[in-house]
Amino acid sequence: MRIEMLMHAKQSGAVGLMNGMVEQCMGEYNLDGWTVPDLFNSDDVNAFMKRGR
């Protein structure tokens, strides 16, 4: 069953789209956290939580 789904995804081009999305996501992240301004690192969220107390 899973092989059939994989073959269908390859034929329809969905695998390429999925790989592109993964590459984009991985390109927006490095060892220091997110590299784009619209995403938050955990230290940002922790600072927000501390201010709310």
PDB file of N, CA and C in Angstrom:
ATOM      1  N   MET A   1       0.817  -1.184   0.000  1.00  0.00           N
ATOM      2  CA  MET A   1       0.000   0.000   0.000  1.00  0.00           C
ATOM      3  C   MET A   1       0.866   1.255   0.000  1.00  0.00           C
ATOM      4  N   ARG A   2       1.887   1.294   0.839  1.00  0.00           N
ATOM      5  CA  ARG A   2       2.737   2.487   0.916  1.00  0.00           C
ATOM      6  C   ARG A   2       3.555   2.677  -0.353  1.00  0.00           C
ATOM      7  N   ILE A   3       3.967   1.586  -0.968  1.00  0.00           N
ATOM      8  CA  ILE A   3       4.725   1.687  -2.218  1.00  0.00           C
ATOM      9  C   ILE A   3       3.846   2.296  -3.301  1.00  0.00           C
ATOM     10  N   GLU A   4       2.585   1.904  -3.335  1.00  0.00           N
ATOM     11  CA  GLU A   4       1.665   2.475  -4.324  1.00  0.00           C
ATOM     12  C   GLU A   4       1.501   3.971  -4.108  1.00  0.00           C
ATOM     13  N   MET A   5       1.393   4.391  -2.853  1.00  0.00           N
ATOM     14  CA  MET A   5       1.262   5.816  -2.544  1.00  0.00           C
ATOM     15  C   MET A   5       2.523   6.571  -2.960  1.00  0.00           C
ATOM     16  N   LEU A   6       3.684   5.983  -2.723  1.00  0.00           N
ATOM     17  CA  LEU A   6       4.937   6.609  -3.116  1.00  0.00           C
ATOM     18  C   LEU A   6       5.017   6.744  -4.627  1.00  0.00           C
ATOM     19  N   MET A   7       4.664   5.704  -5.344  1.00  0.00           N
ATOM     20  CA  MET A   7       4.704   5.761  -6.806  1.00  0.00           C
ATOM     21  C   MET A   7       3.736   6.818  -7.346  1.00  0.00           C
ATOM     22  N   HIS A   8       2.566   6.905  -6.746  1.00  0.00           N
ATOM     23  CA  HIS A   8       1.595   7.917  -7.168  1.00  0.00           C
ATOM     24  C   HIS A   8       2.143   9.321  -6.902  1.00  0.00           C
ATOM     25  N   ALA A   9       2.758   9.515  -5.743  1.00  0.00           N
ATOM     26  CA  ALA A   9       3.323  10.818  -5.398  1.00  0.00           C
ATOM     27  C   ALA A   9       4.449  11.194  -6.348  1.00  0.00           C
ATOM     28  N   LYS A  10       5.260  10.219  -6.735  1.00  0.00           N
ATOM     29  CA  LYS A  10       6.341  10.496  -7.694  1.00  0.00           C
ATOM     30  C   LYS A  10       5.775  10.873  -9.052  1.00  0.00           C
ATOM     31  N   GLN A  11       4.773  10.143  -9.507  1.00  0.00           N
ATOM     32  CA  GLN A  11       4.182  10.406 -10.824  1.00  0.00           C
ATOM     33  C   GLN A  11       3.448  11.740 -10.870  1.00  0.00           C
ATOM     34  N   SER A  12       2.825  12.123  -9.771  1.00  0.00           N
ATOM     35  CA  SER A  12       2.051  13.367  -9.761  1.00  0.00           C
ATOM     36  C   SER A  12       2.922  14.593  -9.506  1.00  0.00           C
ATOM     37  N   GLY A  13       4.165  14.392  -9.100  1.00  0.00           N
ATOM     38  CA  GLY A  13       5.055  15.505  -8.809  1.00  0.00           C
ATOM     39  C   GLY A  13       5.010  15.961  -7.362  1.00  0.00           C
ATOM     40  N   ALA A  14       4.226  15.291  -6.537  1.00  0.00           N
ATOM     41  CA  ALA A  14       4.103  15.685  -5.140  1.00  0.00           C
ATOM     42  C   ALA A  14       5.417  15.506  -4.377  1.00  0.00           C
ATOM     43  N   VAL A  15       6.198  14.506  -4.736  1.00  0.00           N
ATOM     44  CA  VAL A  15       7.466  14.264  -4.045  1.00  0.00           C
ATOM     45  C   VAL A  15       8.397  15.460  -4.239  1.00  0.00           C
ATOM     46  N   GLY A  16       8.438  15.991  -5.434  1.00  0.00           N
ATOM     47  CA  GLY A  16       9.269  17.168  -5.698  1.00  0.00           C
ATOM     48  C   GLY A  16       8.823  18.371  -4.892  1.00  0.00           C
ATOM     49  N   LEU A  17       7.510  18.557  -4.777  1.00  0.00           N
ATOM     50  CA  LEU A  17       6.985  19.668  -3.986  1.00  0.00           C
ATOM     51  C   LEU A  17       7.330  19.496  -2.505  1.00  0.00           C
ATOM     52  N   MET A  18       7.203  18.267  -2.019  1.00  0.00           N
ATOM     53  CA  MET A  18       7.526  17.996  -0.620  1.00  0.00           C
ATOM     54  C   MET A  18       9.012  18.217  -0.341  1.00  0.00           C
ATOM     55  N   ASN A  19       9.857  17.760  -1.242  1.00  0.00           N
ATOM     56  CA  ASN A  19      11.296  17.965  -1.071  1.00  0.00           C
ATOM     57  C   ASN A  19      11.637  19.445  -1.099  1.00  0.00           C
ATOM     58  N   GLY A  20      10.972  20.195  -1.962  1.00  0.00           N
ATOM     59  CA  GLY A  20      11.196  21.634  -2.020  1.00  0.00           C
ATOM     60  C   GLY A  20      10.810  22.323  -0.724  1.00  0.00           C
ATOM     61  N   MET A  21       9.695  21.906  -0.135  1.00  0.00           N
ATOM     62  CA  MET A  21       9.265  22.490   1.128  1.00  0.00           C
ATOM     63  C   MET A  21      10.270  22.188   2.239  1.00  0.00           C
ATOM     64  N   VAL A  22      10.774  20.957   2.275  1.00  0.00           N
ATOM     65  CA  VAL A  22      11.765  20.579   3.291  1.00  0.00           C
ATOM     66  C   VAL A  22      13.037  21.396   3.111  1.00  0.00           C
ATOM     67  N   GLU A  23      13.499  21.557   1.886  1.00  0.00           N
ATOM     68  CA  GLU A  23      14.706  22.345   1.624  1.00  0.00           C
ATOM     69  C   GLU A  23      14.517  23.792   2.055  1.00  0.00           C
ATOM     70  N   GLN A  24      13.332  24.354   1.790  1.00  0.00           N
ATOM     71  CA  GLN A  24      13.044  25.729   2.189  1.00  0.00           C
ATOM     72  C   GLN A  24      13.069  25.855   3.713  1.00  0.00           C
ATOM     73  N   CYS A  25      12.416  24.927   4.398  1.00  0.00           N
ATOM     74  CA  CYS A  25      12.383  24.962   5.862  1.00  0.00           C
ATOM     75  C   CYS A  25      13.779  24.806   6.450  1.00  0.00           C
ATOM     76  N   MET A  26      14.553  23.888   5.916  1.00  0.00           N
ATOM     77  CA  MET A  26      15.905  23.677   6.428  1.00  0.00           C
ATOM     78  C   MET A  26      16.804  24.869   6.129  1.00  0.00           C
ATOM     79  N   GLY A  27      16.530  25.581   5.048  1.00  0.00           N
ATOM     80  CA  GLY A  27      17.304  26.763   4.705  1.00  0.00           C
ATOM     81  C   GLY A  27      17.024  27.936   5.630  1.00  0.00           C
ATOM     82  N   GLU A  28      15.904  27.907   6.336  1.00  0.00           N
ATOM     83  CA  GLU A  28      15.529  28.990   7.236  1.00  0.00           C
ATOM     84  C   GLU A  28      15.946  28.706   8.677  1.00  0.00           C
ATOM     85  N   TYR A  29      16.736  27.676   8.894  1.00  0.00           N
ATOM     86  CA  TYR A  29      17.120  27.268  10.239  1.00  0.00           C
ATOM     87  C   TYR A  29      18.586  26.873  10.242  1.00  0.00           C
ATOM     88  N   ASN A  30      19.301  27.214  11.314  1.00  0.00           N
ATOM     89  CA  ASN A  30      20.680  26.761  11.467  1.00  0.00           C
ATOM     90  C   ASN A  30      20.909  26.369  12.923  1.00  0.00           C
ATOM     91  N   LEU A  31      22.133  26.134  13.317  1.00  0.00           N
ATOM     92  CA  LEU A  31      22.418  25.680  14.680  1.00  0.00           C
ATOM     93  C   LEU A  31      22.075  26.719  15.736  1.00  0.00           C
ATOM     94  N   ASP A  32      21.970  27.981  15.346  1.00  0.00           N
ATOM     95  CA  ASP A  32      21.636  29.045  16.292  1.00  0.00           C
ATOM     96  C   ASP A  32      20.139  29.315  16.371  1.00  0.00           C
ATOM     97  N   GLY A  33      19.347  28.660  15.535  1.00  0.00           N
ATOM     98  CA  GLY A  33      17.896  28.856  15.536  1.00  0.00           C
ATOM     99  C   GLY A  33      17.412  29.338  14.184  1.00  0.00           C
ATOM    100  N   TRP A  34      16.242  29.950  14.196  1.00  0.00           N
ATOM    101  CA  TRP A  34      15.636  30.415  12.946  1.00  0.00           C
ATOM    102  C   TRP A  34      16.406  31.611  12.406  1.00  0.00           C
ATOM    103  N   THR A  35      16.525  31.686  11.101  1.00  0.00           N
ATOM    104  CA  THR A  35      17.269  32.771  10.470  1.00  0.00           C
ATOM    105  C   THR A  35      16.344  33.787   9.810  1.00  0.00           C
ATOM    106  N   VAL A  36      15.044  33.574   9.856  1.00  0.00           N
ATOM    107  CA  VAL A  36      14.086  34.502   9.252  1.00  0.00           C
ATOM    108  C   VAL A  36      13.366  35.255  10.375  1.00  0.00           C
ATOM    109  N   PRO A  37      12.997  36.507  10.146  1.00  0.00           N
ATOM    110  CA  PRO A  37      12.445  37.319  11.238  1.00  0.00           C
ATOM    111  C   PRO A  37      11.031  36.946  11.682  1.00  0.00           C
ATOM    112  N   ASP A  38      10.278  36.201  10.868  1.00  0.00           N
ATOM    113  CA  ASP A  38       8.899  35.911  11.243  1.00  0.00           C
ATOM    114  C   ASP A  38       8.741  34.652  12.093  1.00  0.00           C
ATOM    115  N   LEU A  39       9.836  33.980  12.439  1.00  0.00           N
ATOM    116  CA  LEU A  39       9.778  32.786  13.286  1.00  0.00           C
ATOM    117  C   LEU A  39      10.522  33.060  14.588  1.00  0.00           C
ATOM    118  N   PHE A  40      10.121  32.404  15.675  1.00  0.00           N
ATOM    119  CA  PHE A  40      10.671  32.657  16.995  1.00  0.00           C
ATOM    120  C   PHE A  40      11.565  31.522  17.444  1.00  0.00           C
ATOM    121  N   ASN A  41      12.651  31.864  18.110  1.00  0.00           N
ATOM    122  CA  ASN A  41      13.501  30.882  18.773  1.00  0.00           C
ATOM    123  C   ASN A  41      12.968  30.675  20.188  1.00  0.00           C
ATOM    124  N   SER A  42      13.350  29.613  20.841  1.00  0.00           N
ATOM    125  CA  SER A  42      12.838  29.334  22.180  1.00  0.00           C
ATOM    126  C   SER A  42      13.255  30.394  23.188  1.00  0.00           C
ATOM    127  N   ASP A  43      14.410  31.015  23.003  1.00  0.00           N
ATOM    128  CA  ASP A  43      14.812  32.063  23.942  1.00  0.00           C
ATOM    129  C   ASP A  43      13.898  33.281  23.828  1.00  0.00           C
ATOM    130  N   ASP A  44      13.387  33.562  22.643  1.00  0.00           N
ATOM    131  CA  ASP A  44      12.440  34.655  22.476  1.00  0.00           C
ATOM    132  C   ASP A  44      11.146  34.366  23.223  1.00  0.00           C
ATOM    133  N   VAL A  45      10.644  33.144  23.114  1.00  0.00           N
ATOM    134  CA  VAL A  45       9.395  32.771  23.768  1.00  0.00           C
ATOM    135  C   VAL A  45       9.570  32.776  25.281  1.00  0.00           C
ATOM    136  N   ASN A  46      10.691  32.286  25.766  1.00  0.00           N
ATOM    137  CA  ASN A  46      10.947  32.290  27.207  1.00  0.00           C
ATOM    138  C   ASN A  46      10.990  33.710  27.750  1.00  0.00           C
ATOM    139  N   ALA A  47      11.561  34.637  27.021  1.00  0.00           N
ATOM    140  CA  ALA A  47      11.602  36.031  27.461  1.00  0.00           C
ATOM    141  C   ALA A  47      10.198  36.602  27.531  1.00  0.00           C
ATOM    142  N   PHE A  48       9.347  36.248  26.591  1.00  0.00           N
ATOM    143  CA  PHE A  48       7.958  36.709  26.595  1.00  0.00           C
ATOM    144  C   PHE A  48       7.211  36.153  27.798  1.00  0.00           C
ATOM    145  N   MET A  49       7.421  34.883  28.093  1.00  0.00           N
ATOM    146  CA  MET A  49       6.729  34.250  29.211  1.00  0.00           C
ATOM    147  C   MET A  49       7.159  34.878  30.529  1.00  0.00           C
ATOM    148  N   LYS A  50       8.428  35.250  30.665  1.00  0.00           N
ATOM    149  CA  LYS A  50       8.928  35.854  31.905  1.00  0.00           C
ATOM    150  C   LYS A  50       8.325  37.245  32.109  1.00  0.00           C
ATOM    151  N   ARG A  51       8.140  37.988  31.006  1.00  0.00           N
ATOM    152  CA  ARG A  51       7.571  39.330  31.117  1.00  0.00           C
ATOM    153  C   ARG A  51       6.094  39.274  31.523  1.00  0.00           C
ATOM    154  N   GLY A  52       5.393  38.213  31.170  1.00  0.00           N
ATOM    155  CA  GLY A  52       3.961  38.107  31.445  1.00  0.00           C
ATOM    156  C   GLY A  52       3.636  37.811  32.896  1.00  0.00           C
ATOM    157  N   ARG A  53       4.598  37.441  33.683  1.00  0.00           N
ATOM    158  CA  ARG A  53       4.337  37.081  35.094  1.00  0.00           C
ATOM    159  C   ARG A  53       4.081  38.275  35.954  1.00  0.00           C
TER     160      ARG A  53
END
